[in-house]
């Protein structure tokens, strides 16, 4: 049986700055990187099986990503607590059910459905 492994690519202004945000504010760890002329251009980050690639190669696409990330109730509550403790702004949203939204410094948005509301509408 085959399986697919997907990693979304988020366009960012500066890969080093994006890495700093995702590592320090969201708890992601660096998996691999690509540098050109001593400058970080692409970096893959991961947290609990959620893998993202951050790239500053396409400046016209910066801030266009919308990622939908589902979490178990306890992981959702941990995200809320960690985000507040790290000074990450959480916005409220609605997409058929309640969302917690984190926007990175480049305008990419991570949508986290609130588990109790999402389970009643799925």
N, C-alpha and C. Protein backbone atom coordinates (compact mmCIF):
# COMPACT_ATOMS: atom_id res chain seq x y z
N UNK A 1 0.85 -1.17 0.00
CA UNK A 1 0.00 0.00 0.00
C UNK A 1 0.89 1.24 0.00
N UNK A 2 0.59 2.18 -0.85
CA UNK A 2 1.36 3.41 -0.90
C UNK A 2 0.74 4.45 0.02
N UNK A 3 1.53 5.43 0.38
CA UNK A 3 1.00 6.54 1.16
C UNK A 3 1.60 7.84 0.61
N UNK A 4 0.87 8.86 0.73
CA UNK A 4 1.32 10.16 0.25
C UNK A 4 1.86 10.96 1.43
N UNK A 5 2.87 11.73 1.17
CA UNK A 5 3.46 12.59 2.19
C UNK A 5 3.46 14.00 1.62
N UNK A 6 2.68 14.87 2.20
CA UNK A 6 2.55 16.23 1.69
C UNK A 6 3.18 17.23 2.65
N UNK A 7 3.82 18.23 2.10
CA UNK A 7 4.39 19.32 2.87
C UNK A 7 4.05 20.62 2.16
N UNK A 8 3.20 21.44 2.74
CA UNK A 8 2.90 22.71 2.09
C UNK A 8 4.11 23.64 2.11
N UNK A 9 4.22 24.45 1.07
CA UNK A 9 5.29 25.44 0.97
C UNK A 9 4.67 26.81 1.23
N UNK A 10 5.21 27.52 2.22
CA UNK A 10 4.77 28.86 2.53
C UNK A 10 5.82 29.84 2.02
N UNK A 11 5.38 30.80 1.23
CA UNK A 11 6.28 31.84 0.75
C UNK A 11 6.43 32.89 1.84
N UNK A 12 7.69 33.22 2.13
CA UNK A 12 8.01 34.17 3.18
C UNK A 12 8.99 35.21 2.64
N UNK A 13 9.10 36.34 3.30
CA UNK A 13 10.03 37.39 2.87
C UNK A 13 11.48 37.00 3.14
N UNK A 14 11.72 36.39 4.32
CA UNK A 14 13.07 36.05 4.74
C UNK A 14 13.01 34.71 5.48
N UNK A 15 13.65 33.69 4.91
CA UNK A 15 13.57 32.34 5.48
C UNK A 15 14.13 32.28 6.90
N UNK A 16 15.19 33.01 7.18
CA UNK A 16 15.77 33.01 8.53
C UNK A 16 14.81 33.60 9.56
N UNK A 17 14.17 34.71 9.20
CA UNK A 17 13.20 35.33 10.11
C UNK A 17 11.98 34.44 10.30
N UNK A 18 11.54 33.80 9.23
CA UNK A 18 10.39 32.89 9.34
C UNK A 18 10.73 31.70 10.23
N UNK A 19 11.93 31.15 10.07
CA UNK A 19 12.37 30.05 10.92
C UNK A 19 12.36 30.48 12.39
N UNK A 20 12.84 31.66 12.67
CA UNK A 20 12.86 32.15 14.06
C UNK A 20 11.44 32.21 14.63
N UNK A 21 10.47 32.69 13.84
CA UNK A 21 9.08 32.77 14.31
C UNK A 21 8.51 31.38 14.56
N UNK A 22 8.63 30.50 13.58
CA UNK A 22 8.03 29.18 13.71
C UNK A 22 8.69 28.36 14.84
N UNK A 23 9.98 28.57 15.07
CA UNK A 23 10.67 27.84 16.14
C UNK A 23 10.35 28.44 17.51
N UNK A 24 10.52 29.76 17.66
CA UNK A 24 10.37 30.36 18.99
C UNK A 24 8.93 30.59 19.39
N UNK A 25 8.07 30.92 18.45
CA UNK A 25 6.68 31.25 18.78
C UNK A 25 5.74 30.06 18.68
N UNK A 26 6.03 29.12 17.76
CA UNK A 26 5.10 28.00 17.55
C UNK A 26 5.69 26.64 17.91
N UNK A 27 6.94 26.59 18.31
CA UNK A 27 7.53 25.34 18.78
C UNK A 27 7.93 24.34 17.71
N UNK A 28 8.09 24.80 16.47
CA UNK A 28 8.54 23.92 15.40
C UNK A 28 10.05 23.74 15.49
N UNK A 29 10.54 22.59 15.03
CA UNK A 29 11.97 22.34 14.96
C UNK A 29 12.42 22.25 13.52
N UNK A 30 13.65 22.63 13.28
CA UNK A 30 14.21 22.58 11.92
C UNK A 30 14.52 21.14 11.54
N UNK A 31 14.13 20.75 10.31
CA UNK A 31 14.38 19.40 9.79
C UNK A 31 15.52 19.43 8.77
N UNK A 32 15.44 20.34 7.82
CA UNK A 32 16.51 20.50 6.82
C UNK A 32 16.49 21.92 6.29
N UNK A 33 17.58 22.28 5.64
CA UNK A 33 17.69 23.63 5.09
C UNK A 33 18.46 23.62 3.79
N UNK A 34 18.23 24.66 3.00
CA UNK A 34 18.98 24.89 1.77
C UNK A 34 19.46 26.33 1.80
N UNK A 35 20.76 26.50 1.60
CA UNK A 35 21.35 27.83 1.57
C UNK A 35 21.94 28.10 0.20
N UNK A 36 21.94 29.35 -0.19
CA UNK A 36 22.58 29.81 -1.42
C UNK A 36 23.46 30.99 -1.05
N UNK A 37 24.73 30.90 -1.40
CA UNK A 37 25.70 31.96 -1.11
C UNK A 37 25.68 32.35 0.36
N UNK A 38 25.56 31.35 1.24
CA UNK A 38 25.57 31.59 2.67
C UNK A 38 24.29 32.14 3.25
N UNK A 39 23.24 32.23 2.45
CA UNK A 39 21.94 32.76 2.89
C UNK A 39 20.91 31.65 2.90
N UNK A 40 20.19 31.52 4.01
CA UNK A 40 19.11 30.53 4.11
C UNK A 40 18.00 30.93 3.15
N UNK A 41 17.62 30.01 2.25
CA UNK A 41 16.56 30.28 1.28
C UNK A 41 15.34 29.41 1.49
N UNK A 42 15.56 28.14 1.93
CA UNK A 42 14.46 27.19 2.14
C UNK A 42 14.75 26.44 3.42
N UNK A 43 13.73 26.26 4.24
CA UNK A 43 13.89 25.49 5.47
C UNK A 43 12.60 24.71 5.73
N UNK A 44 12.77 23.45 6.11
CA UNK A 44 11.61 22.65 6.50
C UNK A 44 11.58 22.60 8.02
N UNK A 45 10.38 22.83 8.57
CA UNK A 45 10.17 22.76 10.00
C UNK A 45 9.10 21.72 10.28
N UNK A 46 9.12 21.19 11.51
CA UNK A 46 8.18 20.13 11.86
C UNK A 46 7.79 20.25 13.33
N UNK A 47 6.54 19.90 13.60
CA UNK A 47 6.05 19.78 14.97
C UNK A 47 4.97 18.72 14.99
N UNK A 48 5.22 17.66 15.73
CA UNK A 48 4.23 16.59 15.93
C UNK A 48 3.60 16.10 14.63
N UNK A 49 4.42 15.90 13.61
CA UNK A 49 3.93 15.37 12.34
C UNK A 49 3.41 16.42 11.37
N UNK A 50 3.40 17.67 11.77
CA UNK A 50 3.00 18.77 10.89
C UNK A 50 4.28 19.36 10.30
N UNK A 51 4.53 19.11 9.02
CA UNK A 51 5.73 19.58 8.34
C UNK A 51 5.39 20.72 7.41
N UNK A 52 6.20 21.77 7.46
CA UNK A 52 6.03 22.94 6.60
C UNK A 52 7.36 23.27 5.95
N UNK A 53 7.31 23.77 4.74
CA UNK A 53 8.51 24.27 4.08
C UNK A 53 8.34 25.78 3.94
N UNK A 54 9.35 26.51 4.40
CA UNK A 54 9.35 27.97 4.34
C UNK A 54 10.38 28.39 3.30
N UNK A 55 9.96 29.17 2.31
CA UNK A 55 10.87 29.56 1.23
C UNK A 55 10.70 31.03 0.89
N UNK A 56 11.84 31.70 0.68
CA UNK A 56 11.78 33.10 0.27
C UNK A 56 12.10 33.28 -1.22
N UNK A 57 11.91 32.23 -1.99
CA UNK A 57 12.23 32.26 -3.42
C UNK A 57 11.15 32.90 -4.30
N UNK A 58 9.94 33.03 -3.80
CA UNK A 58 8.84 33.57 -4.61
C UNK A 58 8.20 34.76 -3.90
N UNK A 59 8.82 35.93 -3.95
CA UNK A 59 8.32 37.08 -3.20
C UNK A 59 6.91 37.51 -3.58
N UNK A 60 6.48 37.23 -4.80
CA UNK A 60 5.12 37.61 -5.21
C UNK A 60 4.04 36.79 -4.51
N UNK A 61 4.42 35.65 -3.93
CA UNK A 61 3.44 34.77 -3.27
C UNK A 61 3.41 34.92 -1.75
N UNK A 62 4.19 35.83 -1.20
CA UNK A 62 4.27 36.00 0.25
C UNK A 62 2.90 36.32 0.82
N UNK A 63 2.53 35.59 1.87
CA UNK A 63 1.29 35.86 2.60
C UNK A 63 0.04 35.25 1.99
N UNK A 64 0.17 34.39 1.01
CA UNK A 64 -0.99 33.82 0.33
C UNK A 64 -1.49 32.51 0.94
N UNK A 65 -0.72 31.89 1.82
CA UNK A 65 -1.08 30.55 2.31
C UNK A 65 -2.15 30.60 3.40
N UNK A 66 -3.03 29.61 3.34
CA UNK A 66 -4.03 29.35 4.38
C UNK A 66 -3.92 27.87 4.68
N UNK A 67 -3.51 27.52 5.89
CA UNK A 67 -3.35 26.12 6.28
C UNK A 67 -4.39 25.75 7.32
N UNK A 68 -5.03 24.64 7.14
CA UNK A 68 -6.05 24.12 8.04
C UNK A 68 -5.39 22.99 8.82
N UNK A 69 -5.23 23.17 10.14
CA UNK A 69 -4.53 22.19 10.97
C UNK A 69 -5.46 21.72 12.08
N UNK A 70 -5.86 20.44 12.03
CA UNK A 70 -6.75 19.88 13.04
C UNK A 70 -5.94 19.31 14.18
N UNK A 71 -6.39 19.56 15.40
CA UNK A 71 -5.72 19.06 16.60
C UNK A 71 -6.72 18.35 17.50
N UNK A 72 -6.21 17.40 18.26
CA UNK A 72 -7.02 16.78 19.31
C UNK A 72 -7.32 17.84 20.35
N UNK A 73 -8.41 17.69 21.13
CA UNK A 73 -8.77 18.72 22.12
C UNK A 73 -7.63 19.11 23.06
N UNK A 74 -6.90 18.14 23.58
CA UNK A 74 -5.81 18.48 24.51
C UNK A 74 -4.69 19.24 23.80
N UNK A 75 -4.40 18.89 22.55
CA UNK A 75 -3.37 19.59 21.78
C UNK A 75 -3.82 21.01 21.44
N UNK A 76 -5.11 21.18 21.18
CA UNK A 76 -5.66 22.50 20.90
C UNK A 76 -5.50 23.40 22.12
N UNK A 77 -5.87 22.88 23.28
CA UNK A 77 -5.74 23.65 24.52
C UNK A 77 -4.28 23.98 24.80
N UNK A 78 -3.37 23.05 24.51
CA UNK A 78 -1.94 23.31 24.68
C UNK A 78 -1.48 24.42 23.74
N UNK A 79 -1.96 24.40 22.48
CA UNK A 79 -1.62 25.45 21.53
C UNK A 79 -2.07 26.81 22.04
N UNK A 80 -3.28 26.90 22.56
CA UNK A 80 -3.82 28.16 23.07
C UNK A 80 -2.94 28.66 24.23
N UNK A 81 -2.64 27.77 25.15
CA UNK A 81 -1.82 28.14 26.30
C UNK A 81 -0.41 28.57 25.89
N UNK A 82 0.22 27.78 25.04
CA UNK A 82 1.57 28.10 24.57
C UNK A 82 1.60 29.44 23.83
N UNK A 83 0.61 29.64 22.96
CA UNK A 83 0.57 30.86 22.15
C UNK A 83 0.48 32.09 23.04
N UNK A 84 -0.39 32.03 24.03
CA UNK A 84 -0.51 33.16 24.95
C UNK A 84 0.79 33.38 25.70
N UNK A 85 1.42 32.29 26.15
CA UNK A 85 2.68 32.40 26.89
C UNK A 85 3.83 32.92 26.06
N UNK A 86 3.77 32.71 24.75
CA UNK A 86 4.84 33.16 23.86
C UNK A 86 4.53 34.48 23.17
N UNK A 87 3.41 35.08 23.53
CA UNK A 87 3.05 36.37 22.95
C UNK A 87 2.55 36.30 21.53
N UNK A 88 2.00 35.16 21.14
CA UNK A 88 1.45 35.00 19.79
C UNK A 88 0.00 35.46 19.80
N UNK A 89 -0.35 36.35 18.88
CA UNK A 89 -1.73 36.82 18.79
C UNK A 89 -2.61 35.75 18.18
N UNK A 90 -3.66 35.40 18.89
CA UNK A 90 -4.66 34.46 18.38
C UNK A 90 -5.89 35.24 17.96
N UNK A 91 -6.32 35.05 16.74
CA UNK A 91 -7.53 35.71 16.25
C UNK A 91 -8.64 34.68 16.20
N UNK A 92 -9.85 35.14 16.35
CA UNK A 92 -11.01 34.27 16.22
C UNK A 92 -11.48 34.31 14.78
N UNK A 93 -11.99 33.17 14.32
CA UNK A 93 -12.52 33.10 12.97
C UNK A 93 -13.66 32.11 12.92
N UNK A 94 -14.27 32.04 11.77
CA UNK A 94 -15.38 31.12 11.58
C UNK A 94 -15.36 30.62 10.15
N UNK A 95 -15.44 29.32 10.00
CA UNK A 95 -15.49 28.68 8.69
C UNK A 95 -16.43 27.48 8.79
N UNK A 96 -17.67 27.77 9.13
CA UNK A 96 -18.63 26.71 9.42
C UNK A 96 -18.58 26.29 10.87
N UNK A 97 -17.54 26.67 11.57
CA UNK A 97 -17.33 26.44 13.00
C UNK A 97 -16.22 27.35 13.46
N UNK A 98 -16.04 27.42 14.77
CA UNK A 98 -15.06 28.35 15.34
C UNK A 98 -13.62 27.95 15.01
N UNK A 99 -12.81 28.97 14.77
CA UNK A 99 -11.39 28.78 14.49
C UNK A 99 -10.54 29.65 15.41
N UNK A 100 -9.36 29.16 15.73
CA UNK A 100 -8.30 30.00 16.29
C UNK A 100 -7.33 30.20 15.13
N UNK A 101 -6.98 31.44 14.85
CA UNK A 101 -6.14 31.76 13.70
C UNK A 101 -4.85 32.42 14.17
N UNK A 102 -3.74 31.89 13.67
CA UNK A 102 -2.43 32.50 13.90
C UNK A 102 -1.92 32.98 12.55
N UNK A 103 -1.53 34.23 12.51
CA UNK A 103 -0.97 34.80 11.29
C UNK A 103 0.53 35.00 11.52
N UNK A 104 1.34 34.46 10.59
CA UNK A 104 2.79 34.63 10.74
C UNK A 104 3.18 36.04 10.30
N UNK A 105 4.42 36.46 10.53
CA UNK A 105 4.82 37.83 10.18
C UNK A 105 4.68 38.17 8.70
N UNK A 106 4.57 37.16 7.84
CA UNK A 106 4.43 37.38 6.40
C UNK A 106 2.98 37.38 5.93
N UNK A 107 2.04 37.12 6.84
CA UNK A 107 0.63 37.12 6.47
C UNK A 107 0.05 35.76 6.16
N UNK A 108 0.85 34.70 6.20
CA UNK A 108 0.31 33.35 6.04
C UNK A 108 -0.53 33.02 7.27
N UNK A 109 -1.65 32.33 7.07
CA UNK A 109 -2.56 32.06 8.19
C UNK A 109 -2.68 30.57 8.46
N UNK A 110 -2.57 30.23 9.74
CA UNK A 110 -2.77 28.86 10.20
C UNK A 110 -4.13 28.82 10.89
N UNK A 111 -5.03 28.01 10.36
CA UNK A 111 -6.38 27.90 10.89
C UNK A 111 -6.48 26.63 11.72
N UNK A 112 -6.84 26.78 12.99
CA UNK A 112 -7.01 25.66 13.90
C UNK A 112 -8.48 25.59 14.31
N UNK A 113 -9.23 24.59 13.84
CA UNK A 113 -10.64 24.50 14.24
C UNK A 113 -10.74 24.12 15.72
N UNK A 114 -11.63 24.80 16.42
CA UNK A 114 -11.88 24.46 17.83
C UNK A 114 -12.52 23.08 17.87
N UNK A 115 -11.88 22.10 18.51
CA UNK A 115 -12.36 20.72 18.45
C UNK A 115 -13.82 20.53 18.83
N UNK A 116 -14.31 21.18 19.85
CA UNK A 116 -15.69 20.97 20.28
C UNK A 116 -16.70 21.48 19.26
N UNK A 117 -16.39 22.58 18.57
CA UNK A 117 -17.32 23.09 17.56
C UNK A 117 -17.17 22.35 16.24
N UNK A 118 -15.97 21.94 15.89
CA UNK A 118 -15.75 21.24 14.62
C UNK A 118 -16.37 19.86 14.64
N UNK A 119 -16.36 19.21 15.79
CA UNK A 119 -16.90 17.85 15.85
C UNK A 119 -18.41 17.83 15.68
N UNK A 120 -19.08 18.94 16.00
CA UNK A 120 -20.53 18.97 15.83
C UNK A 120 -20.95 19.35 14.42
N UNK A 121 -19.97 19.80 13.61
CA UNK A 121 -20.31 20.24 12.26
C UNK A 121 -19.57 19.47 11.18
N UNK A 122 -18.94 18.35 11.50
CA UNK A 122 -18.19 17.65 10.46
C UNK A 122 -18.98 16.56 9.80
